[in-house]
PDB file of N, CA and C in Angstrom:
ATOM      1  N   MET A   1      25.407  26.562  16.029  1.00  0.00           N
ATOM      2  CA  MET A   1      25.594  26.336  14.697  1.00  0.00           C
ATOM      3  C   MET A   1      24.566  25.414  13.923  1.00  0.00           C
ATOM      4  N   PHE A   2      24.160  25.519  12.809  1.00  0.00           N
ATOM      5  CA  PHE A   2      23.200  24.682  12.028  1.00  0.00           C
ATOM      6  C   PHE A   2      23.857  23.747  11.398  1.00  0.00           C
ATOM      7  N   PRO A   3      23.379  22.462  11.443  1.00  0.00           N
ATOM      8  CA  PRO A   3      24.064  21.326  10.823  1.00  0.00           C
ATOM      9  C   PRO A   3      24.153  21.406   9.241  1.00  0.00           C
ATOM     10  N   THR A   4      23.199  22.449   8.675  1.00  0.00           N
ATOM     11  CA  THR A   4      22.857  22.430   7.194  1.00  0.00           C
ATOM     12  C   THR A   4      24.305  22.806   6.652  1.00  0.00           C
ATOM     13  N   PHE A   5      24.970  23.649   7.080  1.00  0.00           N
ATOM     14  CA  PHE A   5      26.396  24.001   6.477  1.00  0.00           C
ATOM     15  C   PHE A   5      27.240  23.032   6.194  1.00  0.00           C
ATOM     16  N   GLU A   6      27.341  22.086   7.278  1.00  0.00           N
ATOM     17  CA  GLU A   6      28.195  20.912   7.288  1.00  0.00           C
ATOM     18  C   GLU A   6      27.844  19.929   6.246  1.00  0.00           C
ATOM     19  N   ILE A   7      26.525  19.529   6.220  1.00  0.00           N
ATOM     20  CA  ILE A   7      25.761  18.593   5.445  1.00  0.00           C
ATOM     21  C   ILE A   7      26.161  19.018   3.984  1.00  0.00           C
ATOM     22  N   ILE A   8      26.113  20.202   3.450  1.00  0.00           N
ATOM     23  CA  ILE A   8      26.119  20.755   2.181  1.00  0.00           C
ATOM     24  C   ILE A   8      27.671  20.753   1.922  1.00  0.00           C
ATOM     25  N   LYS A   9      28.559  21.234   2.816  1.00  0.00           N
ATOM     26  CA  LYS A   9      29.839  21.017   2.673  1.00  0.00           C
ATOM     27  C   LYS A   9      30.345  19.527   2.357  1.00  0.00           C
ATOM     28  N   GLN A  10      29.908  18.488   3.033  1.00  0.00           N
ATOM     29  CA  GLN A  10      30.058  17.248   2.647  1.00  0.00           C
ATOM     30  C   GLN A  10      29.529  16.539   1.376  1.00  0.00           C
ATOM     31  N   LEU A  11      28.276  17.049   0.956  1.00  0.00           N
ATOM     32  CA  LEU A  11      27.698  16.818  -0.172  1.00  0.00           C
ATOM     33  C   LEU A  11      28.606  17.289  -1.298  1.00  0.00           C
ATOM     34  N   ALA A  12      29.143  18.450  -1.279  1.00  0.00           N
ATOM     35  CA  ALA A  12      29.691  19.272  -2.272  1.00  0.00           C
ATOM     36  C   ALA A  12      31.130  18.528  -2.620  1.00  0.00           C
ATOM     37  N   LYS A  13      31.880  18.066  -1.300  1.00  0.00           N
ATOM     38  CA  LYS A  13      32.990  17.524  -1.164  1.00  0.00           C
ATOM     39  C   LYS A  13      32.994  16.147  -1.899  1.00  0.00           C
ATOM     40  N   LYS A  14      31.895  15.298  -1.720  1.00  0.00           N
ATOM     41  CA  LYS A  14      31.740  14.161  -2.388  1.00  0.00           C
ATOM     42  C   LYS A  14      31.612  14.332  -3.805  1.00  0.00           C
ATOM     43  N   GLN A  15      31.244  15.371  -4.446  1.00  0.00           N
ATOM     44  CA  GLN A  15      31.097  15.649  -5.792  1.00  0.00           C
ATOM     45  C   GLN A  15      32.382  16.532  -6.363  1.00  0.00           C
ATOM     46  N   GLY A  16      33.422  16.434  -5.430  1.00  0.00           N
ATOM     47  CA  GLY A  16      34.886  17.158  -5.801  1.00  0.00           C
ATOM     48  C   GLY A  16      34.533  18.543  -6.339  1.00  0.00           C
ATOM     49  N   MET A  17      33.885  19.228  -5.700  1.00  0.00           N
ATOM     50  CA  MET A  17      33.694  20.693  -5.781  1.00  0.00           C
ATOM     51  C   MET A  17      33.601  21.220  -4.307  1.00  0.00           C
ATOM     52  N   SER A  18      33.994  22.708  -4.620  1.00  0.00           N
ATOM     53  CA  SER A  18      34.285  23.622  -3.213  1.00  0.00           C
ATOM     54  C   SER A  18      32.851  24.450  -3.050  1.00  0.00           C
ATOM     55  N   LEU A  19      32.709  24.799  -2.037  1.00  0.00           N
ATOM     56  CA  LEU A  19      31.331  25.703  -1.833  1.00  0.00           C
ATOM     57  C   LEU A  19      31.300  26.860  -2.609  1.00  0.00           C
ATOM     58  N   ASN A  20      32.409  27.360  -3.040  1.00  0.00           N
ATOM     59  CA  ASN A  20      32.506  28.434  -4.005  1.00  0.00           C
ATOM     60  C   ASN A  20      31.977  27.983  -5.332  1.00  0.00           C
ATOM     61  N   ASP A  21      32.309  26.714  -5.808  1.00  0.00           N
ATOM     62  CA  ASP A  21      32.023  26.153  -6.915  1.00  0.00           C
ATOM     63  C   ASP A  21      30.435  26.123  -6.836  1.00  0.00           C
ATOM     64  N   LEU A  22      29.956  25.420  -5.958  1.00  0.00           N
ATOM     65  CA  LEU A  22      28.637  25.042  -5.563  1.00  0.00           C
ATOM     66  C   LEU A  22      27.644  26.469  -5.828  1.00  0.00           C
ATOM     67  N   GLU A  23      28.285  27.609  -5.040  1.00  0.00           N
ATOM     68  CA  GLU A  23      27.751  28.758  -5.264  1.00  0.00           C
ATOM     69  C   GLU A  23      27.480  29.125  -6.657  1.00  0.00           C
ATOM     70  N   GLU A  24      28.668  29.163  -7.348  1.00  0.00           N
ATOM     71  CA  GLU A  24      28.602  29.448  -8.747  1.00  0.00           C
ATOM     72  C   GLU A  24      27.540  28.757  -9.631  1.00  0.00           C
ATOM     73  N   LYS A  25      27.447  27.441  -9.416  1.00  0.00           N
ATOM     74  CA  LYS A  25      26.484  26.635 -10.140  1.00  0.00           C
ATOM     75  C   LYS A  25      25.060  26.835  -9.892  1.00  0.00           C
ATOM     76  N   LEU A  26      24.858  27.457  -8.598  1.00  0.00           N
ATOM     77  CA  LEU A  26      23.420  27.728  -8.428  1.00  0.00           C
ATOM     78  C   LEU A  26      23.042  29.058  -8.544  1.00  0.00           C
ATOM     79  N   GLY A  27      24.017  30.016  -9.064  1.00  0.00           N
ATOM     80  CA  GLY A  27      24.000  31.300  -9.026  1.00  0.00           C
ATOM     81  C   GLY A  27      23.861  32.015  -7.661  1.00  0.00           C
ATOM     82  N   LEU A  28      24.414  31.604  -6.823  1.00  0.00           N
ATOM     83  CA  LEU A  28      24.290  32.240  -5.421  1.00  0.00           C
ATOM     84  C   LEU A  28      25.350  33.261  -5.362  1.00  0.00           C
ATOM     85  N   GLY A  29      25.231  34.438  -4.372  1.00  0.00           N
ATOM     86  CA  GLY A  29      26.281  35.290  -4.083  1.00  0.00           C
ATOM     87  C   GLY A  29      27.318  34.540  -3.448  1.00  0.00           C
ATOM     88  N   LYS A  30      28.636  35.168  -3.597  1.00  0.00           N
ATOM     89  CA  LYS A  30      29.953  34.712  -2.910  1.00  0.00           C
ATOM     90  C   LYS A  30      29.781  34.720  -1.351  1.00  0.00           C
ATOM     91  N   ASN A  31      30.002  33.504  -0.830  1.00  0.00           N
ATOM     92  CA  ASN A  31      29.737  33.274   0.766  1.00  0.00           C
ATOM     93  C   ASN A  31      28.424  33.277   1.411  1.00  0.00           C
ATOM     94  N   THR A  32      27.591  33.021   0.073  1.00  0.00           N
ATOM     95  CA  THR A  32      26.243  32.568   0.690  1.00  0.00           C
ATOM     96  C   THR A  32      26.046  31.447   1.687  1.00  0.00           C
ATOM     97  N   LEU A  33      26.600  30.413   1.080  1.00  0.00           N
ATOM     98  CA  LEU A  33      26.425  29.029   1.745  1.00  0.00           C
ATOM     99  C   LEU A  33      27.568  29.227   3.192  1.00  0.00           C
ATOM    100  N   TYR A  34      28.433  29.927   3.150  1.00  0.00           N
ATOM    101  CA  TYR A  34      29.027  30.076   4.284  1.00  0.00           C
ATOM    102  C   TYR A  34      28.156  30.633   5.658  1.00  0.00           C
ATOM    103  N   GLY A  35      27.326  31.696   5.110  1.00  0.00           N
ATOM    104  CA  GLY A  35      26.274  32.447   6.074  1.00  0.00           C
ATOM    105  C   GLY A  35      25.540  31.313   6.702  1.00  0.00           C
ATOM    106  N   LEU A  36      25.268  30.041   6.019  1.00  0.00           N
ATOM    107  CA  LEU A  36      24.332  29.134   6.839  1.00  0.00           C
ATOM    108  C   LEU A  36      25.123  28.552   8.075  1.00  0.00           C
ATOM    109  N   LYS A  37      26.244  28.883   8.340  1.00  0.00           N
ATOM    110  CA  LYS A  37      26.772  28.470   9.511  1.00  0.00           C
ATOM    111  C   LYS A  37      26.050  28.997  10.833  1.00  0.00           C
ATOM    112  N   ASN A  38      26.023  30.207  10.587  1.00  0.00           N
ATOM    113  CA  ASN A  38      25.183  30.973  11.820  1.00  0.00           C
ATOM    114  C   ASN A  38      23.929  31.465  11.812  1.00  0.00           C
ATOM    115  N   LYS A  39      23.158  31.233  10.562  1.00  0.00           N
ATOM    116  CA  LYS A  39      21.845  31.491  10.557  1.00  0.00           C
ATOM    117  C   LYS A  39      20.840  30.520   9.876  1.00  0.00           C
ATOM    118  N   LYS A  40      19.546  30.640  10.001  1.00  0.00           N
ATOM    119  CA  LYS A  40      18.478  29.575   9.646  1.00  0.00           C
ATOM    120  C   LYS A  40      18.424  29.795   8.169  1.00  0.00           C
ATOM    121  N   PRO A  41      18.401  28.661   7.611  1.00  0.00           N
ATOM    122  CA  PRO A  41      18.597  28.945   6.037  1.00  0.00           C
ATOM    123  C   PRO A  41      17.233  29.082   5.388  1.00  0.00           C
ATOM    124  N   ASN A  42      17.033  29.895   4.222  1.00  0.00           N
ATOM    125  CA  ASN A  42      15.712  30.131   3.569  1.00  0.00           C
ATOM    126  C   ASN A  42      15.311  28.879   2.945  1.00  0.00           C
ATOM    127  N   ALA A  43      14.077  28.797   2.937  1.00  0.00           N
ATOM    128  CA  ALA A  43      13.292  27.689   2.579  1.00  0.00           C
ATOM    129  C   ALA A  43      13.684  27.403   0.986  1.00  0.00           C
ATOM    130  N   GLU A  44      13.369  28.445   0.443  1.00  0.00           N
ATOM    131  CA  GLU A  44      13.659  28.384  -1.176  1.00  0.00           C
ATOM    132  C   GLU A  44      15.068  27.765  -1.291  1.00  0.00           C
ATOM    133  N   ARG A  45      16.187  28.534  -0.701  1.00  0.00           N
ATOM    134  CA  ARG A  45      17.537  28.195  -0.927  1.00  0.00           C
ATOM    135  C   ARG A  45      17.687  26.673  -0.542  1.00  0.00           C
ATOM    136  N   ILE A  46      17.142  26.001   0.554  1.00  0.00           N
ATOM    137  CA  ILE A  46      17.390  24.639   0.903  1.00  0.00           C
ATOM    138  C   ILE A  46      16.756  23.878  -0.131  1.00  0.00           C
ATOM    139  N   ALA A  47      15.542  24.171  -0.736  1.00  0.00           N
ATOM    140  CA  ALA A  47      15.068  23.438  -1.612  1.00  0.00           C
ATOM    141  C   ALA A  47      15.760  23.196  -3.006  1.00  0.00           C
ATOM    142  N   GLU A  48      16.375  24.448  -3.226  1.00  0.00           N
ATOM    143  CA  GLU A  48      17.044  24.649  -4.555  1.00  0.00           C
ATOM    144  C   GLU A  48      18.439  23.804  -4.327  1.00  0.00           C
ATOM    145  N   ILE A  49      19.009  23.702  -3.424  1.00  0.00           N
ATOM    146  CA  ILE A  49      20.371  22.969  -2.997  1.00  0.00           C
ATOM    147  C   ILE A  49      19.831  21.489  -2.959  1.00  0.00           C
ATOM    148  N   ALA A  50      18.745  21.176  -2.246  1.00  0.00           N
ATOM    149  CA  ALA A  50      18.403  19.820  -2.152  1.00  0.00           C
ATOM    150  C   ALA A  50      18.038  19.125  -3.586  1.00  0.00           C
ATOM    151  N   ASP A  51      17.325  19.915  -4.340  1.00  0.00           N
ATOM    152  CA  ASP A  51      17.165  19.666  -5.688  1.00  0.00           C
ATOM    153  C   ASP A  51      18.554  19.378  -6.400  1.00  0.00           C
ATOM    154  N   TYR A  52      19.560  20.164  -6.219  1.00  0.00           N
ATOM    155  CA  TYR A  52      20.643  19.948  -6.980  1.00  0.00           C
ATOM    156  C   TYR A  52      21.354  18.576  -6.815  1.00  0.00           C
ATOM    157  N   PHE A  53      21.325  18.283  -5.327  1.00  0.00           N
ATOM    158  CA  PHE A  53      22.131  17.191  -4.736  1.00  0.00           C
ATOM    159  C   PHE A  53      21.122  16.043  -4.860  1.00  0.00           C
ATOM    160  N   HIS A  54      19.766  15.960  -5.121  1.00  0.00           N
ATOM    161  CA  HIS A  54      18.774  15.056  -5.464  1.00  0.00           C
ATOM    162  C   HIS A  54      18.771  14.470  -3.862  1.00  0.00           C
ATOM    163  N   VAL A  55      18.594  15.074  -2.968  1.00  0.00           N
ATOM    164  CA  VAL A  55      18.360  14.663  -1.379  1.00  0.00           C
ATOM    165  C   VAL A  55      17.106  15.360  -0.955  1.00  0.00           C
ATOM    166  N   SER A  56      16.584  15.122   0.185  1.00  0.00           N
ATOM    167  CA  SER A  56      15.557  15.796   0.964  1.00  0.00           C
ATOM    168  C   SER A  56      15.994  16.733   1.589  1.00  0.00           C
ATOM    169  N   THR A  57      14.707  17.819   1.732  1.00  0.00           N
ATOM    170  CA  THR A  57      15.435  18.991   2.408  1.00  0.00           C
ATOM    171  C   THR A  57      15.558  18.646   3.691  1.00  0.00           C
ATOM    172  N   ASP A  58      14.699  17.483   4.365  1.00  0.00           N
ATOM    173  CA  ASP A  58      15.013  17.148   5.853  1.00  0.00           C
ATOM    174  C   ASP A  58      16.254  16.859   6.147  1.00  0.00           C
ATOM    175  N   TYR A  59      16.907  16.043   4.921  1.00  0.00           N
ATOM    176  CA  TYR A  59      18.219  15.695   5.238  1.00  0.00           C
ATOM    177  C   TYR A  59      19.270  16.804   5.389  1.00  0.00           C
ATOM    178  N   LEU A  60      18.995  17.865   4.489  1.00  0.00           N
ATOM    179  CA  LEU A  60      19.871  19.157   4.528  1.00  0.00           C
ATOM    180  C   LEU A  60      19.691  19.840   5.818  1.00  0.00           C
ATOM    181  N   LEU A  61      18.414  19.648   6.509  1.00  0.00           N
ATOM    182  CA  LEU A  61      18.347  20.470   7.803  1.00  0.00           C
ATOM    183  C   LEU A  61      18.585  19.481   8.905  1.00  0.00           C
ATOM    184  N   GLY A  62      19.249  18.451   8.687  1.00  0.00           N
ATOM    185  CA  GLY A  62      19.726  17.517   9.674  1.00  0.00           C
ATOM    186  C   GLY A  62      18.499  17.043  10.569  1.00  0.00           C
ATOM    187  N   ARG A  63      17.234  16.895   9.953  1.00  0.00           N
ATOM    188  CA  ARG A  63      16.336  16.172  10.511  1.00  0.00           C
ATOM    189  C   ARG A  63      16.094  14.520  10.358  1.00  0.00           C
ATOM    190  N   THR A  64      16.958  14.236   9.555  1.00  0.00           N
ATOM    191  CA  THR A  64      16.994  12.838   9.060  1.00  0.00           C
ATOM    192  C   THR A  64      18.456  12.471   8.667  1.00  0.00           C
ATOM    193  N   ASP A  65      18.775  11.193   8.826  1.00  0.00           N
ATOM    194  CA  ASP A  65      20.105  10.617   8.214  1.00  0.00           C
ATOM    195  C   ASP A  65      19.933  10.204   6.865  1.00  0.00           C
ATOM    196  N   ASN A  66      18.588   9.780   6.368  1.00  0.00           N
ATOM    197  CA  ASN A  66      18.148   9.303   5.343  1.00  0.00           C
ATOM    198  C   ASN A  66      18.127  10.431   4.053  1.00  0.00           C
ATOM    199  N   PRO A  67      19.087  10.464   3.200  1.00  0.00           N
ATOM    200  CA  PRO A  67      19.059  11.628   2.167  1.00  0.00           C
ATOM    201  C   PRO A  67      18.031  11.376   1.049  1.00  0.00           C
ATOM    202  N   LYS A  68      17.326  10.351   1.091  1.00  0.00           N
ATOM    203  CA  LYS A  68      16.636   9.759  -0.068  1.00  0.00           C
ATOM    204  C   LYS A  68      15.238  10.853   0.049  1.00  0.00           C
ATOM    205  N   ILE A  69      14.490  11.003  -1.350  1.00  0.00           N
ATOM    206  CA  ILE A  69      13.440  11.846  -1.152  1.00  0.00           C
ATOM    207  C   ILE A  69      12.267  10.759  -1.217  1.00  0.00           C
ATOM    208  N   ALA A  70      11.283  11.201  -0.486  1.00  0.00           N
ATOM    209  CA  ALA A  70       9.974  10.495  -0.146  1.00  0.00           C
ATOM    210  C   ALA A  70       9.416  10.563  -1.777  1.00  0.00           C
ATOM    211  N   SER A  71       8.614   9.518  -2.152  1.00  0.00           N
ATOM    212  CA  SER A  71       8.078   9.342  -3.476  1.00  0.00           C
ATOM    213  C   SER A  71       6.770   8.686  -3.300  1.00  0.00           C
ATOM    214  N   ASP A  72       5.730   8.836  -4.375  1.00  0.00           N
ATOM    215  CA  ASP A  72       4.696   8.146  -4.325  1.00  0.00           C
ATOM    216  C   ASP A  72       4.851   6.649  -5.012  1.00  0.00           C
ATOM    217  N   LYS A  73       5.873   6.405  -5.281  1.00  0.00           N
ATOM    218  CA  LYS A  73       6.124   4.968  -5.647  1.00  0.00           C
ATOM    219  C   LYS A  73       6.361   4.210  -4.387  1.00  0.00           C
ATOM    220  N   ASP A  74       5.730   2.976  -4.387  1.00  0.00           N
ATOM    221  CA  ASP A  74       5.824   2.210  -3.533  1.00  0.00           C
ATOM    222  C   ASP A  74       7.273   1.366  -3.574  1.00  0.00           C
ATOM    223  N   ASN A  75       8.046   1.531  -2.767  1.00  0.00           N
ATOM    224  CA  ASN A  75       9.562   1.038  -2.521  1.00  0.00           C
ATOM    225  C   ASN A  75       9.504  -0.527  -2.234  1.00  0.00           C
ATOM    226  N   ASN A  76       8.401  -0.971  -1.746  1.00  0.00           N
ATOM    227  CA  ASN A  76       8.590  -2.439  -1.242  1.00  0.00           C
ATOM    228  C   ASN A  76       7.932  -3.337  -2.273  1.00  0.00           C
ATOM    229  N   THR A  77       8.408  -3.108  -3.387  1.00  0.00           N
ATOM    230  CA  THR A  77       7.879  -3.935  -4.675  1.00  0.00           C
ATOM    231  C   THR A  77       8.216  -5.356  -4.584  1.00  0.00           C
ATOM    232  N   ILE A  78       7.599  -6.267  -5.073  1.00  0.00           N
ATOM    233  CA  ILE A  78       7.862  -7.486  -5.087  1.00  0.00           C
ATOM    234  C   ILE A  78       7.955  -8.214  -6.402  1.00  0.00           C
ATOM    235  N   ASP A  79       8.832  -9.070  -6.576  1.00  0.00           N
ATOM    236  CA  ASP A  79       8.868  -9.831  -7.993  1.00  0.00           C
ATOM    237  C   ASP A  79       7.885 -10.871  -7.611  1.00  0.00           C
ATOM    238  N   LEU A  80       6.866 -10.742  -8.416  1.00  0.00           N
ATOM    239  CA  LEU A  80       5.787 -12.043  -8.300  1.00  0.00           C
ATOM    240  C   LEU A  80       6.418 -13.283  -8.673  1.00  0.00           C
ATOM    241  N   ARG A  81       7.262 -13.330  -9.695  1.00  0.00           N
ATOM    242  CA  ARG A  81       7.814 -14.611 -10.098  1.00  0.00           C
ATOM    243  C   ARG A  81       8.474 -15.276  -9.154  1.00  0.00           C
ATOM    244  N   LYS A  82       9.336 -14.336  -8.420  1.00  0.00           N
ATOM    245  CA  LYS A  82      10.383 -15.088  -7.509  1.00  0.00           C
ATOM    246  C   LYS A  82       9.412 -15.277  -6.142  1.00  0.00           C
ATOM    247  N   ALA A  83       8.386 -14.509  -6.005  1.00  0.00           N
ATOM    248  CA  ALA A  83       7.670 -14.884  -4.860  1.00  0.00           C
ATOM    249  C   ALA A  83       6.799 -16.235  -4.964  1.00  0.00           C
ATOM    250  N   VAL A  84       6.275 -16.501  -6.074  1.00  0.00           N
ATOM    251  CA  VAL A  84       5.667 -17.669  -6.389  1.00  0.00           C
ATOM    252  C   VAL A  84       6.812 -18.829  -6.407  1.00  0.00           C
ATOM    253  N   ALA A  85       7.611 -18.607  -7.236  1.00  0.00           N
ATOM    254  CA  ALA A  85       9.133 -19.446  -7.214  1.00  0.00           C
ATOM    255  C   ALA A  85       9.374 -20.356  -5.856  1.00  0.00           C
ATOM    256  N   GLY A  86       9.197 -19.286  -4.831  1.00  0.00           N
ATOM    257  CA  GLY A  86       9.601 -19.747  -3.644  1.00  0.00           C
ATOM    258  C   GLY A  86       8.537 -20.508  -2.814  1.00  0.00           C
ATOM    259  N   SER A  87       7.537 -20.774  -3.414  1.00  0.00           N
ATOM    260  CA  SER A  87       6.416 -21.315  -2.828  1.00  0.00           C
ATOM    261  C   SER A  87       6.176 -22.849  -3.319  1.00  0.00           C
ATOM    262  N   MET A  88       5.655 -23.539  -2.476  1.00  0.00           N
ATOM    263  CA  MET A  88       5.480 -24.945  -2.706  1.00  0.00           C
ATOM    264  C   MET A  88       4.200 -25.362  -3.263  1.00  0.00           C
ATOM    265  N   ALA A  89       3.847 -26.485  -4.051  1.00  0.00           N
ATOM    266  CA  ALA A  89       2.649 -26.708  -4.392  1.00  0.00           C
ATOM    267  C   ALA A  89       2.060 -27.566  -3.073  1.00  0.00           C
ATOM    268  N   PHE A  90       0.598 -27.900  -3.245  1.00  0.00           N
ATOM    269  CA  PHE A  90      -0.098 -28.314  -1.846  1.00  0.00           C
ATOM    270  C   PHE A  90       0.567 -29.794  -1.565  1.00  0.00           C
ATOM    271  N   ASP A  91       1.050 -30.399  -2.428  1.00  0.00           N
ATOM    272  CA  ASP A  91       1.697 -31.428  -1.954  1.00  0.00           C
ATOM    273  C   ASP A  91       3.019 -31.505  -1.299  1.00  0.00           C
ATOM    274  N   GLY A  92       3.686 -30.228  -1.214  1.00  0.00           N
ATOM    275  CA  GLY A  92       4.986 -29.921  -0.696  1.00  0.00           C
ATOM    276  C   GLY A  92       6.041 -29.905  -1.850  1.00  0.00           C
ATOM    277  N   LYS A  93       5.665 -30.187  -2.816  1.00  0.00           N
ATOM    278  CA  LYS A  93       6.666 -30.545  -4.025  1.00  0.00           C
ATOM    279  C   LYS A  93       6.989 -28.840  -4.625  1.00  0.00           C
ATOM    280  N   PRO A  94       8.314 -28.659  -4.904  1.00  0.00           N
ATOM    281  CA  PRO A  94       8.399 -27.537  -5.876  1.00  0.00           C
ATOM    282  C   PRO A  94       7.558 -27.345  -6.920  1.00  0.00           C
ATOM    283  N   LEU A  95       7.045 -26.277  -7.205  1.00  0.00           N
ATOM    284  CA  LEU A  95       6.403 -25.874  -8.412  1.00  0.00           C
ATOM    285  C   LEU A  95       7.103 -26.015  -9.600  1.00  0.00           C
ATOM    286  N   THR A  96       6.391 -26.652 -10.636  1.00  0.00           N
ATOM    287  CA  THR A  96       7.155 -26.710 -11.994  1.00  0.00           C
ATOM    288  C   THR A  96       7.276 -25.019 -12.706  1.00  0.00           C
ATOM    289  N   GLU A  97       7.982 -25.078 -13.913  1.00  0.00           N
ATOM    290  CA  GLU A  97       8.074 -23.600 -14.231  1.00  0.00           C
ATOM    291  C   GLU A  97       6.645 -23.251 -14.983  1.00  0.00           C
ATOM    292  N   ASP A  98       6.071 -24.112 -15.438  1.00  0.00           N
ATOM    293  CA  ASP A  98       4.832 -23.677 -16.030  1.00  0.00           C
ATOM    294  C   ASP A  98       3.794 -23.432 -14.988  1.00  0.00           C
ATOM    295  N   GLU A  99       3.773 -24.073 -13.722  1.00  0.00           N
ATOM    296  CA  GLU A  99       3.023 -23.540 -12.573  1.00  0.00           C
ATOM    297  C   GLU A  99       3.279 -22.197 -11.950  1.00  0.00           C
ATOM    298  N   ILE A 100       4.700 -22.026 -12.159  1.00  0.00           N
ATOM    299  CA  ILE A 100       5.242 -20.522 -11.538  1.00  0.00           C
ATOM    300  C   ILE A 100       4.814 -19.679 -12.462  1.00  0.00           C
ATOM    301  N   ASN A 101       4.925 -19.736 -13.894  1.00  0.00           N
ATOM    302  CA  ASN A 101       4.403 -18.803 -14.811  1.00  0.00           C
ATOM    303  C   ASN A 101       3.090 -18.580 -14.697  1.00  0.00           C
ATOM    304  N   TYR A 102       2.208 -19.570 -14.666  1.00  0.00           N
ATOM    305  CA  TYR A 102       0.757 -19.402 -14.419  1.00  0.00           C
ATOM    306  C   TYR A 102       0.295 -18.597 -13.327  1.00  0.00           C
ATOM    307  N   LEU A 103       0.786 -19.043 -12.271  1.00  0.00           N
ATOM    308  CA  LEU A 103       0.646 -18.552 -10.758  1.00  0.00           C
ATOM    309  C   LEU A 103       0.705 -16.909 -10.901  1.00  0.00           C
ATOM    310  N   ALA A 104       2.200 -16.582 -11.384  1.00  0.00           N
ATOM    311  CA  ALA A 104       2.642 -15.342 -11.367  1.00  0.00           C
ATOM    312  C   ALA A 104       1.673 -14.530 -12.388  1.00  0.00           C
ATOM    313  N   ASP A 105       1.103 -14.829 -13.467  1.00  0.00           N
ATOM    314  CA  ASP A 105       0.416 -14.319 -14.370  1.00  0.00           C
ATOM    315  C   ASP A 105      -0.969 -14.002 -13.695  1.00  0.00           C
ATOM    316  N   VAL A 106      -1.575 -15.243 -13.041  1.00  0.00           N
ATOM    317  CA  VAL A 106      -2.829 -14.944 -12.383  1.00  0.00           C
ATOM    318  C   VAL A 106      -2.821 -13.788 -11.409  1.00  0.00           C
ATOM    319  N   PHE A 107      -1.699 -13.921 -10.301  1.00  0.00           N
ATOM    320  CA  PHE A 107      -1.526 -12.681  -9.295  1.00  0.00           C
ATOM    321  C   PHE A 107      -1.242 -11.236 -10.120  1.00  0.00           C
ATOM    322  N   GLU A 108      -0.348 -11.342 -11.299  1.00  0.00           N
ATOM    323  CA  GLU A 108      -0.442 -10.039 -11.846  1.00  0.00           C
ATOM    324  C   GLU A 108      -1.683  -9.466 -12.330  1.00  0.00           C
ATOM    325  N   ALA A 109      -2.395 -10.271 -12.777  1.00  0.00           N
ATOM    326  CA  ALA A 109      -3.818 -10.060 -13.493  1.00  0.00           C
ATOM    327  C   ALA A 109      -4.846  -9.553 -12.410  1.00  0.00           C
ATOM    328  N   GLN A 110      -4.756 -10.213 -11.133  1.00  0.00           N
ATOM    329  CA  GLN A 110      -5.517  -9.891 -10.035  1.00  0.00           C
ATOM    330  C   GLN A 110      -5.211  -8.465  -9.563  1.00  0.00           C
ATOM    331  N   LEU A 111      -3.806  -7.935  -9.323  1.00  0.00           N
ATOM    332  CA  LEU A 111      -3.681  -6.890  -8.937  1.00  0.00           C
ATOM    333  C   LEU A 111      -3.709  -5.859  -9.749  1.00  0.00           C
ATOM    334  N   LYS A 112      -3.826  -6.039 -11.299  1.00  0.00           N
ATOM    335  CA  LYS A 112      -4.119  -4.868 -12.053  1.00  0.00           C
ATOM    336  C   LYS A 112      -5.440  -4.752 -12.016  1.00  0.00           C
ATOM    337  N   MET A 113      -6.433  -5.778 -11.794  1.00  0.00           N
ATOM    338  CA  MET A 113      -7.755  -5.446 -11.798  1.00  0.00           C
ATOM    339  C   MET A 113      -8.022  -4.632 -10.430  1.00  0.00           C
ATOM    340  N   LYS A 114      -7.360  -4.751  -9.565  1.00  0.00           N
ATOM    341  CA  LYS A 114      -7.522  -4.076  -8.059  1.00  0.00           C
ATOM    342  C   LYS A 114      -7.399  -2.471  -8.455  1.00  0.00           C
ATOM    343  N   LYS A 115      -6.459  -2.153  -9.314  1.00  0.00           N
ATOM    344  CA  LYS A 115      -5.997  -0.888  -9.628  1.00  0.00           C
ATOM    345  C   LYS A 115      -7.130  -0.021 -10.267  1.00  0.00           C
TER     346      LYS A 115
END
């Protein structure tokens, strides 16, 4: 049995819908999703279902436990102001608000120039 059917069933249940409801919303034939119990899913169909639930196709296929879709955006963004605020001055004393703002602005300008 393919894990895709169970994953889709769980996603539908989380949204309070039956598989028949999901088939209707996606314009699929009756029992189309139940057919995924025993046969390999069609790539186009998997993409359509993944788009509907906003999950990755790899998640639907059981290749990963992470439902998030990969993106071009850097998810490791840092708040420059917080990073600077956690720093110390050269003499080991905490930075003043003016120093924090100035350094955050300098770093931000430098990063923009790199792009």
